[in-house]
Amino acid sequence: MPSAVTKTAGGAGATPTPPAASRKSVTRTRLWVAVLFLLPALVLLGALVVYPIGYSIWRSLFDADGSGFVGLDNYADIFSDDSTLVAVRNTAIWVAVAPALVTALGLIFAVLTERVRWGTAFKLIVFMPMAISMLAAGIIFRLVYEQDPDQGVANAVVTSVHDVFVDESVYPKARPHAQVSDLKASGGGSFTTEGTVRYGDSKRLPLVGIAPNRLPGTPQDAKAAPPELGKVTGTVWLDFKLGGGGEKGVIDPGEKALEGVEVEAVKDGKVVATARSGADGTFSLPEAADGARLRLPGSNFAAPYNGIDWLGPTLVTPAVIGSYIWMWAGFAMVLIAAGLAGVDRNLLEAARVDGANEWQVFRKVTVPLLAPVLVVVLVTLMINVMKVFDLVYIIAPQPTQDEANVLALQLYLVSYGGGGDFGLGSAIGVVLLLLVLPVMWVNIRRLRKERQR
């Protein structure tokens, strides 16, 4: 018996439709297989992301030990506690400053190294800090920011530059020998004689307060300055020698000269003449010093310049941000360089042919073309800085850690750093999540727009 053929309106034959019982649901089979393959990932996602978020929200509604329901009190505490408010302020500074600086620095590095022969080597060096953990970077920069210039690289550089333009004090711990000298404190760290001097006088200015073996260089033995007609002379020396002995106020054999001490002749509050002690401690002032008082200005005894207090209350947050920039500038540079490699060079050349200089090409052509990449870098870094913890915890010393506090560190301190308040810690964690969500939303929208292109 011939098989039945279904005809269409046009009379053409159609392929026979199999019975319903023999049809195979390809879609249902693929869904089952997809769920089977996704199940391990879904379980991990639920265990590591969904459950912690849900439990943190629930735990934030209870008190420190979780025994009493407090509602939104923990969230109210976040915006009433002084230390938490400082953490919120510093987190806002981090989000506003660090990503922008890192992105800008990465853009500059990527553009400037594009045309140099050693650009690859430079990029490798800049990117190398990314291989270092936050903990190791924190230890490195804790040493870099040490106050002592002999240990801290930053202050070693600062003090070296400072000493080029400003004379360092010669003997910071020296002081007059009170028992035999008429030098008295006269303000500003200086010392002035009570009596006046006359030309032809030879004045002795004994100082103490320094061990002979701690004098800079190789000091010579002190020498008594001979009187000179029409001049005021004198000697500045250390009135003490190892082993003791000798007479106070007298230049004894073996007592060392103090070279480079500035001596001023002062009349009516005005400096009329100046001189510096020589290698043998002697000095000579002109006739204008007649009738003046001798003054040793405070610059001779000022404490040595030890650089900048990088980890003090004022600069600790910028200092920590500086270490973050050092670590992440290479990340930004590599991503931006990859985007720059895909820029159509014909557009850049066309702009140059139209008369644009390099700055105009960079600002009006290169940057707009790199805008999608710059947004990716900026958004990624904004999410990253909200979670900064290690650098602040390691670099900021305990006395100023409160001034450098951020939300991630505050979460740790109130929960595990002695506070033991897991309710408040959970509330801070939820606030951090809420702060990250808008940035994530912007990133998701950007990804969707790129897919539609």
Foldseek 3Di string as FASTA:
>chain_A
DDDDFDADPVGDTDDDDDDPVPDDPPVVVVVVVVCVVCVVVVVCCCVPPVVVLVVLVVLLQAWLVRPGGNGCVLVVCCVVPPLSVLQAVLLVVCLVPLLVVLLVLLLVLLVVLPPDPCSVVVLCVLQVLLVPDLQVLLVVLLQCLDLALVGHVVLVVVLVVVCVPDPAAQAQQKDFPVVQAQWDDDDQQKTWHPFADAQQEEEETEIEGDAPVPHPDDADQADGDHGDHQKYKYFYWHQAHPPDDDDPPDRDPPTTGRWFFKKFWDDPRDTDWIWTAHSNRMTMTGNSSGRTMIMRHNSNRHDGDRGDNCQDLPNNQVSLSVSVSSNCSSVSNVLLSVQQVPDDVVVLVVCVVVPDDPVCSCPPPVCVSSVVSSLVSSLVSSLVSLQDASNLVSNRDPVNSSSNHHLNNVLCCCCPVPNSRSSSSSSSVSVSVVVSVVSVVVVVVSVVVVVVD
